Amino acid sequence: PLVGLAAAVAVCALVLPGFSGSFLLLVFGLYEPTLRAVRDLDLAYIAVFGLGAVLGLASFVSVLTWLLEHHRRTLMVIMT
């Protein structure tokens, strides 16, 4: 569960300027384990990470779209 949640949060950095997904993985303490899982082809870890990333990105983009439609000016001020 932690790996999926961390992936969901880290992948949001792809959408927001100024945030680093790698740094967020470092904060969660999952940067090294993720690199190790890719190196060792740990398919279970990679699958959980990928599922968390896809779900996180889809939900975050939906929330961001809604915010842009309903609170565009405020959101742009915050993002700037």
PDB file of N, CA and C in Angstrom:
ATOM      1  N   PRO A   1       0.812  -1.219   0.000  1.00  0.00           N
ATOM      2  CA  PRO A   1       0.000   0.000   0.000  1.00  0.00           C
ATOM      3  C   PRO A   1       0.854   1.282   0.000  1.00  0.00           C
ATOM      4  N   LEU A   2       1.964   1.253   0.757  1.00  0.00           N
ATOM      5  CA  LEU A   2       2.821   2.447   0.803  1.00  0.00           C
ATOM      6  C   LEU A   2       3.463   2.716  -0.553  1.00  0.00           C
ATOM      7  N   VAL A   3       3.851   1.667  -1.241  1.00  0.00           N
ATOM      8  CA  VAL A   3       4.490   1.832  -2.554  1.00  0.00           C
ATOM      9  C   VAL A   3       3.495   2.443  -3.534  1.00  0.00           C
ATOM     10  N   GLY A   4       2.271   1.951  -3.555  1.00  0.00           N
ATOM     11  CA  GLY A   4       1.248   2.504  -4.448  1.00  0.00           C
ATOM     12  C   GLY A   4       0.915   3.937  -4.120  1.00  0.00           C
ATOM     13  N   LEU A   5       0.806   4.253  -2.853  1.00  0.00           N
ATOM     14  CA  LEU A   5       0.513   5.625  -2.440  1.00  0.00           C
ATOM     15  C   LEU A   5       1.660   6.563  -2.789  1.00  0.00           C
ATOM     16  N   ALA A   6       2.874   6.129  -2.537  1.00  0.00           N
ATOM     17  CA  ALA A   6       4.040   6.953  -2.866  1.00  0.00           C
ATOM     18  C   ALA A   6       4.139   7.177  -4.363  1.00  0.00           C
ATOM     19  N   ALA A   7       3.838   6.159  -5.151  1.00  0.00           N
ATOM     20  CA  ALA A   7       3.855   6.310  -6.606  1.00  0.00           C
ATOM     21  C   ALA A   7       2.774   7.286  -7.057  1.00  0.00           C
ATOM     22  N   ALA A   8       1.609   7.218  -6.441  1.00  0.00           N
ATOM     23  CA  ALA A   8       0.524   8.129  -6.796  1.00  0.00           C
ATOM     24  C   ALA A   8       0.898   9.576  -6.507  1.00  0.00           C
ATOM     25  N   VAL A   9       1.563   9.810  -5.407  1.00  0.00           N
ATOM     26  CA  VAL A   9       1.980  11.176  -5.060  1.00  0.00           C
ATOM     27  C   VAL A   9       3.142  11.622  -5.942  1.00  0.00           C
ATOM     28  N   ALA A  10       4.101  10.743  -6.155  1.00  0.00           N
ATOM     29  CA  ALA A  10       5.288  11.113  -6.926  1.00  0.00           C
ATOM     30  C   ALA A  10       4.957  11.390  -8.384  1.00  0.00           C
ATOM     31  N   VAL A  11       4.004  10.673  -8.930  1.00  0.00           N
ATOM     32  CA  VAL A  11       3.674  10.871 -10.342  1.00  0.00           C
ATOM     33  C   VAL A  11       2.952  12.203 -10.557  1.00  0.00           C
ATOM     34  N   CYS A  12       2.383  12.760  -9.525  1.00  0.00           N
ATOM     35  CA  CYS A  12       1.750  14.078  -9.643  1.00  0.00           C
ATOM     36  C   CYS A  12       2.786  15.157  -9.964  1.00  0.00           C
ATOM     37  N   ALA A  13       4.029  14.887  -9.657  1.00  0.00           N
ATOM     38  CA  ALA A  13       5.103  15.830  -9.973  1.00  0.00           C
ATOM     39  C   ALA A  13       5.268  15.993 -11.479  1.00  0.00           C
ATOM     40  N   LEU A  14       4.795  15.019 -12.253  1.00  0.00           N
ATOM     41  CA  LEU A  14       4.858  15.148 -13.706  1.00  0.00           C
ATOM     42  C   LEU A  14       3.951  16.267 -14.205  1.00  0.00           C
ATOM     43  N   VAL A  15       2.887  16.528 -13.480  1.00  0.00           N
ATOM     44  CA  VAL A  15       1.899  17.516 -13.901  1.00  0.00           C
ATOM     45  C   VAL A  15       2.210  18.894 -13.334  1.00  0.00           C
ATOM     46  N   LEU A  16       2.759  18.949 -12.135  1.00  0.00           N
ATOM     47  CA  LEU A  16       3.017  20.226 -11.478  1.00  0.00           C
ATOM     48  C   LEU A  16       4.448  20.699 -11.727  1.00  0.00           C
ATOM     49  N   PRO A  17       4.594  21.927 -12.153  1.00  0.00           N
ATOM     50  CA  PRO A  17       5.955  22.442 -12.340  1.00  0.00           C
ATOM     51  C   PRO A  17       6.634  22.702 -10.997  1.00  0.00           C
ATOM     52  N   GLY A  18       7.920  22.421 -10.931  1.00  0.00           N
ATOM     53  CA  GLY A  18       8.685  22.725  -9.733  1.00  0.00           C
ATOM     54  C   GLY A  18       8.775  21.602  -8.724  1.00  0.00           C
ATOM     55  N   PHE A  19       8.115  20.491  -8.979  1.00  0.00           N
ATOM     56  CA  PHE A  19       8.173  19.354  -8.072  1.00  0.00           C
ATOM     57  C   PHE A  19       8.937  18.222  -8.744  1.00  0.00           C
ATOM     58  N   SER A  20       9.653  17.463  -7.965  1.00  0.00           N
ATOM     59  CA  SER A  20      10.432  16.345  -8.484  1.00  0.00           C
ATOM     60  C   SER A  20       9.880  15.041  -7.928  1.00  0.00           C
ATOM     61  N   GLY A  21       9.505  14.145  -8.824  1.00  0.00           N
ATOM     62  CA  GLY A  21       9.022  12.837  -8.396  1.00  0.00           C
ATOM     63  C   GLY A  21      10.097  12.043  -7.678  1.00  0.00           C
ATOM     64  N   SER A  22      11.339  12.172  -8.141  1.00  0.00           N
ATOM     65  CA  SER A  22      12.448  11.473  -7.488  1.00  0.00           C
ATOM     66  C   SER A  22      12.647  11.974  -6.069  1.00  0.00           C
ATOM     67  N   PHE A  23      12.532  13.285  -5.881  1.00  0.00           N
ATOM     68  CA  PHE A  23      12.689  13.840  -4.534  1.00  0.00           C
ATOM     69  C   PHE A  23      11.575  13.338  -3.613  1.00  0.00           C
ATOM     70  N   LEU A  24      10.363  13.261  -4.126  1.00  0.00           N
ATOM     71  CA  LEU A  24       9.268  12.758  -3.305  1.00  0.00           C
ATOM     72  C   LEU A  24       9.488  11.294  -2.925  1.00  0.00           C
ATOM     73  N   LEU A  25      10.037  10.500  -3.846  1.00  0.00           N
ATOM     74  CA  LEU A  25      10.365   9.114  -3.500  1.00  0.00           C
ATOM     75  C   LEU A  25      11.461   9.068  -2.447  1.00  0.00           C
ATOM     76  N   LEU A  26      12.425   9.989  -2.532  1.00  0.00           N
ATOM     77  CA  LEU A  26      13.459  10.067  -1.492  1.00  0.00           C
ATOM     78  C   LEU A  26      12.848  10.390  -0.137  1.00  0.00           C
ATOM     79  N   VAL A  27      11.898  11.312  -0.118  1.00  0.00           N
ATOM     80  CA  VAL A  27      11.234  11.692   1.134  1.00  0.00           C
ATOM     81  C   VAL A  27      10.521  10.488   1.745  1.00  0.00           C
ATOM     82  N   PHE A  28       9.862   9.696   0.899  1.00  0.00           N
ATOM     83  CA  PHE A  28       9.157   8.514   1.387  1.00  0.00           C
ATOM     84  C   PHE A  28      10.110   7.366   1.709  1.00  0.00           C
ATOM     85  N   GLY A  29      11.377   7.508   1.333  1.00  0.00           N
ATOM     86  CA  GLY A  29      12.347   6.452   1.565  1.00  0.00           C
ATOM     87  C   GLY A  29      12.214   5.297   0.582  1.00  0.00           C
ATOM     88  N   LEU A  30      11.644   5.567  -0.584  1.00  0.00           N
ATOM     89  CA  LEU A  30      11.399   4.512  -1.557  1.00  0.00           C
ATOM     90  C   LEU A  30      12.183   4.675  -2.849  1.00  0.00           C
ATOM     91  N   TYR A  31      13.106   5.617  -2.895  1.00  0.00           N
ATOM     92  CA  TYR A  31      13.877   5.815  -4.120  1.00  0.00           C
ATOM     93  C   TYR A  31      14.792   4.617  -4.384  1.00  0.00           C
ATOM     94  N   GLU A  32      15.589   4.252  -3.397  1.00  0.00           N
ATOM     95  CA  GLU A  32      16.506   3.114  -3.546  1.00  0.00           C
ATOM     96  C   GLU A  32      15.763   1.796  -3.756  1.00  0.00           C
ATOM     97  N   PRO A  33      14.727   1.506  -2.951  1.00  0.00           N
ATOM     98  CA  PRO A  33      13.994   0.255  -3.195  1.00  0.00           C
ATOM     99  C   PRO A  33      13.362   0.185  -4.590  1.00  0.00           C
ATOM    100  N   THR A  34      12.916   1.326  -5.096  1.00  0.00           N
ATOM    101  CA  THR A  34      12.324   1.347  -6.436  1.00  0.00           C
ATOM    102  C   THR A  34      13.382   1.075  -7.495  1.00  0.00           C
ATOM    103  N   LEU A  35      14.544   1.705  -7.366  1.00  0.00           N
ATOM    104  CA  LEU A  35      15.632   1.433  -8.307  1.00  0.00           C
ATOM    105  C   LEU A  35      16.072  -0.025  -8.232  1.00  0.00           C
ATOM    106  N   ARG A  36      16.135  -0.549  -7.026  1.00  0.00           N
ATOM    107  CA  ARG A  36      16.532  -1.950  -6.835  1.00  0.00           C
ATOM    108  C   ARG A  36      15.508  -2.895  -7.475  1.00  0.00           C
ATOM    109  N   ALA A  37      14.214  -2.559  -7.331  1.00  0.00           N
ATOM    110  CA  ALA A  37      13.158  -3.395  -7.918  1.00  0.00           C
ATOM    111  C   ALA A  37      13.245  -3.391  -9.440  1.00  0.00           C
ATOM    112  N   VAL A  38      13.568  -2.251 -10.024  1.00  0.00           N
ATOM    113  CA  VAL A  38      13.718  -2.183 -11.477  1.00  0.00           C
ATOM    114  C   VAL A  38      14.951  -2.971 -11.911  1.00  0.00           C
ATOM    115  N   ARG A  39      16.035  -2.815 -11.184  1.00  0.00           N
ATOM    116  CA  ARG A  39      17.271  -3.535 -11.513  1.00  0.00           C
ATOM    117  C   ARG A  39      17.079  -5.046 -11.424  1.00  0.00           C
ATOM    118  N   ASP A  40      16.387  -5.488 -10.376  1.00  0.00           N
ATOM    119  CA  ASP A  40      16.194  -6.913 -10.146  1.00  0.00           C
ATOM    120  C   ASP A  40      14.960  -7.484 -10.846  1.00  0.00           C
ATOM    121  N   LEU A  41      14.241  -6.644 -11.571  1.00  0.00           N
ATOM    122  CA  LEU A  41      13.000  -7.036 -12.244  1.00  0.00           C
ATOM    123  C   LEU A  41      11.991  -7.650 -11.283  1.00  0.00           C
ATOM    124  N   ASP A  42      11.782  -6.994 -10.154  1.00  0.00           N
ATOM    125  CA  ASP A  42      10.776  -7.418  -9.175  1.00  0.00           C
ATOM    126  C   ASP A  42       9.407  -6.989  -9.709  1.00  0.00           C
ATOM    127  N   LEU A  43       8.769  -7.892 -10.420  1.00  0.00           N
ATOM    128  CA  LEU A  43       7.538  -7.550 -11.134  1.00  0.00           C
ATOM    129  C   LEU A  43       6.386  -7.195 -10.201  1.00  0.00           C
ATOM    130  N   ALA A  44       6.325  -7.780  -9.032  1.00  0.00           N
ATOM    131  CA  ALA A  44       5.257  -7.458  -8.089  1.00  0.00           C
ATOM    132  C   ALA A  44       5.383  -6.000  -7.629  1.00  0.00           C
ATOM    133  N   TYR A  45       6.589  -5.600  -7.256  1.00  0.00           N
ATOM    134  CA  TYR A  45       6.836  -4.219  -6.815  1.00  0.00           C
ATOM    135  C   TYR A  45       6.540  -3.250  -7.955  1.00  0.00           C
ATOM    136  N   ILE A  46       7.035  -3.575  -9.139  1.00  0.00           N
ATOM    137  CA  ILE A  46       6.844  -2.698 -10.299  1.00  0.00           C
ATOM    138  C   ILE A  46       5.361  -2.588 -10.649  1.00  0.00           C
ATOM    139  N   ALA A  47       4.619  -3.681 -10.528  1.00  0.00           N
ATOM    140  CA  ALA A  47       3.186  -3.656 -10.821  1.00  0.00           C
ATOM    141  C   ALA A  47       2.431  -2.777  -9.830  1.00  0.00           C
ATOM    142  N   VAL A  48       2.739  -2.906  -8.548  1.00  0.00           N
ATOM    143  CA  VAL A  48       2.079  -2.077  -7.528  1.00  0.00           C
ATOM    144  C   VAL A  48       2.436  -0.608  -7.749  1.00  0.00           C
ATOM    145  N   PHE A  49       3.709  -0.344  -8.040  1.00  0.00           N
ATOM    146  CA  PHE A  49       4.151   1.024  -8.294  1.00  0.00           C
ATOM    147  C   PHE A  49       3.442   1.583  -9.533  1.00  0.00           C
ATOM    148  N   GLY A  50       3.387   0.801 -10.590  1.00  0.00           N
ATOM    149  CA  GLY A  50       2.733   1.251 -11.820  1.00  0.00           C
ATOM    150  C   GLY A  50       1.250   1.502 -11.634  1.00  0.00           C
ATOM    151  N   LEU A  51       0.575   0.613 -10.919  1.00  0.00           N
ATOM    152  CA  LEU A  51      -0.852   0.797 -10.657  1.00  0.00           C
ATOM    153  C   LEU A  51      -1.090   2.059  -9.832  1.00  0.00           C
ATOM    154  N   GLY A  52      -0.268   2.260  -8.814  1.00  0.00           N
ATOM    155  CA  GLY A  52      -0.392   3.480  -8.010  1.00  0.00           C
ATOM    156  C   GLY A  52      -0.140   4.727  -8.843  1.00  0.00           C
ATOM    157  N   ALA A  53       0.841   4.661  -9.741  1.00  0.00           N
ATOM    158  CA  ALA A  53       1.158   5.810 -10.588  1.00  0.00           C
ATOM    159  C   ALA A  53       0.004   6.123 -11.529  1.00  0.00           C
ATOM    160  N   VAL A  54      -0.568   5.106 -12.154  1.00  0.00           N
ATOM    161  CA  VAL A  54      -1.677   5.320 -13.088  1.00  0.00           C
ATOM    162  C   VAL A  54      -2.897   5.867 -12.359  1.00  0.00           C
ATOM    163  N   LEU A  55      -3.248   5.268 -11.227  1.00  0.00           N
ATOM    164  CA  LEU A  55      -4.405   5.745 -10.466  1.00  0.00           C
ATOM    165  C   LEU A  55      -4.177   7.156  -9.927  1.00  0.00           C
ATOM    166  N   GLY A  56      -2.969   7.417  -9.435  1.00  0.00           N
ATOM    167  CA  GLY A  56      -2.657   8.746  -8.918  1.00  0.00           C
ATOM    168  C   GLY A  56      -2.705   9.805  -9.996  1.00  0.00           C
ATOM    169  N   LEU A  57      -2.144   9.507 -11.154  1.00  0.00           N
ATOM    170  CA  LEU A  57      -2.146  10.473 -12.247  1.00  0.00           C
ATOM    171  C   LEU A  57      -3.561  10.729 -12.752  1.00  0.00           C
ATOM    172  N   ALA A  58      -4.333   9.668 -12.918  1.00  0.00           N
ATOM    173  CA  ALA A  58      -5.708   9.828 -13.397  1.00  0.00           C
ATOM    174  C   ALA A  58      -6.549  10.652 -12.430  1.00  0.00           C
ATOM    175  N   SER A  59      -6.443  10.360 -11.144  1.00  0.00           N
ATOM    176  CA  SER A  59      -7.248  11.104 -10.168  1.00  0.00           C
ATOM    177  C   SER A  59      -6.759  12.544 -10.034  1.00  0.00           C
ATOM    178  N   PHE A  60      -5.446  12.749 -10.066  1.00  0.00           N
ATOM    179  CA  PHE A  60      -4.922  14.105  -9.920  1.00  0.00           C
ATOM    180  C   PHE A  60      -5.280  14.972 -11.122  1.00  0.00           C
ATOM    181  N   VAL A  61      -5.214  14.408 -12.312  1.00  0.00           N
ATOM    182  CA  VAL A  61      -5.580  15.165 -13.505  1.00  0.00           C
ATOM    183  C   VAL A  61      -7.066  15.515 -13.467  1.00  0.00           C
ATOM    184  N   SER A  62      -7.899  14.608 -12.976  1.00  0.00           N
ATOM    185  CA  SER A  62      -9.328  14.896 -12.849  1.00  0.00           C
ATOM    186  C   SER A  62      -9.572  16.045 -11.874  1.00  0.00           C
ATOM    187  N   VAL A  63      -8.901  16.009 -10.739  1.00  0.00           N
ATOM    188  CA  VAL A  63      -9.044  17.087  -9.753  1.00  0.00           C
ATOM    189  C   VAL A  63      -8.520  18.403 -10.314  1.00  0.00           C
ATOM    190  N   LEU A  64      -7.394  18.356 -10.995  1.00  0.00           N
ATOM    191  CA  LEU A  64      -6.806  19.559 -11.579  1.00  0.00           C
ATOM    192  C   LEU A  64      -7.717  20.137 -12.659  1.00  0.00           C
ATOM    193  N   THR A  65      -8.323  19.295 -13.471  1.00  0.00           N
ATOM    194  CA  THR A  65      -9.264  19.756 -14.496  1.00  0.00           C
ATOM    195  C   THR A  65     -10.463  20.436 -13.849  1.00  0.00           C
ATOM    196  N   TRP A  66     -10.992  19.822 -12.803  1.00  0.00           N
ATOM    197  CA  TRP A  66     -12.135  20.425 -12.112  1.00  0.00           C
ATOM    198  C   TRP A  66     -11.752  21.778 -11.518  1.00  0.00           C
ATOM    199  N   LEU A  67     -10.587  21.839 -10.891  1.00  0.00           N
ATOM    200  CA  LEU A  67     -10.133  23.105 -10.316  1.00  0.00           C
ATOM    201  C   LEU A  67      -9.944  24.170 -11.384  1.00  0.00           C
ATOM    202  N   LEU A  68      -9.421  23.794 -12.527  1.00  0.00           N
ATOM    203  CA  LEU A  68      -9.248  24.766 -13.615  1.00  0.00           C
ATOM    204  C   LEU A  68     -10.585  25.267 -14.138  1.00  0.00           C
ATOM    205  N   GLU A  69     -11.585  24.410 -14.166  1.00  0.00           N
ATOM    206  CA  GLU A  69     -12.909  24.808 -14.642  1.00  0.00           C
ATOM    207  C   GLU A  69     -13.636  25.694 -13.636  1.00  0.00           C
ATOM    208  N   HIS A  70     -13.463  25.448 -12.346  1.00  0.00           N
ATOM    209  CA  HIS A  70     -14.251  26.143 -11.330  1.00  0.00           C
ATOM    210  C   HIS A  70     -13.483  27.223 -10.560  1.00  0.00           C
ATOM    211  N   HIS A  71     -12.185  27.130 -10.470  1.00  0.00           N
ATOM    212  CA  HIS A  71     -11.387  28.077  -9.692  1.00  0.00           C
ATOM    213  C   HIS A  71     -10.099  28.417 -10.436  1.00  0.00           C
ATOM    214  N   ARG A  72     -10.223  28.742 -11.703  1.00  0.00           N
ATOM    215  CA  ARG A  72      -9.057  28.933 -12.560  1.00  0.00           C
ATOM    216  C   ARG A  72      -8.110  30.009 -12.030  1.00  0.00           C
ATOM    217  N   ARG A  73      -8.643  31.158 -11.711  1.00  0.00           N
ATOM    218  CA  ARG A  73      -7.800  32.286 -11.289  1.00  0.00           C
ATOM    219  C   ARG A  73      -7.022  31.954 -10.007  1.00  0.00           C
ATOM    220  N   THR A  74      -7.697  31.413  -9.023  1.00  0.00           N
ATOM    221  CA  THR A  74      -7.056  31.058  -7.758  1.00  0.00           C
ATOM    222  C   THR A  74      -5.974  29.987  -7.967  1.00  0.00           C
ATOM    223  N   LEU A  75      -6.306  28.981  -8.765  1.00  0.00           N
ATOM    224  CA  LEU A  75      -5.365  27.910  -9.033  1.00  0.00           C
ATOM    225  C   LEU A  75      -4.119  28.439  -9.754  1.00  0.00           C
ATOM    226  N   MET A  76      -4.311  29.325 -10.701  1.00  0.00           N
ATOM    227  CA  MET A  76      -3.171  29.875 -11.432  1.00  0.00           C
ATOM    228  C   MET A  76      -2.291  30.717 -10.509  1.00  0.00           C
ATOM    229  N   VAL A  77      -2.900  31.447  -9.576  1.00  0.00           N
ATOM    230  CA  VAL A  77      -2.116  32.224  -8.612  1.00  0.00           C
ATOM    231  C   VAL A  77      -1.308  31.293  -7.728  1.00  0.00           C
ATOM    232  N   ILE A  78      -1.912  30.227  -7.255  1.00  0.00           N
ATOM    233  CA  ILE A  78      -1.226  29.277  -6.387  1.00  0.00           C
ATOM    234  C   ILE A  78      -0.097  28.573  -7.138  1.00  0.00           C
ATOM    235  N   MET A  79      -0.362  28.154  -8.371  1.00  0.00           N
ATOM    236  CA  MET A  79       0.647  27.441  -9.143  1.00  0.00           C
ATOM    237  C   MET A  79       1.798  28.350  -9.554  1.00  0.00           C
ATOM    238  N   THR A  80       1.504  29.615  -9.748  1.00  0.00           N
ATOM    239  CA  THR A  80       2.562  30.562 -10.128  1.00  0.00           C
ATOM    240  C   THR A  80       3.409  30.898  -8.937  1.00  0.00           C
TER     241      THR A  80
END
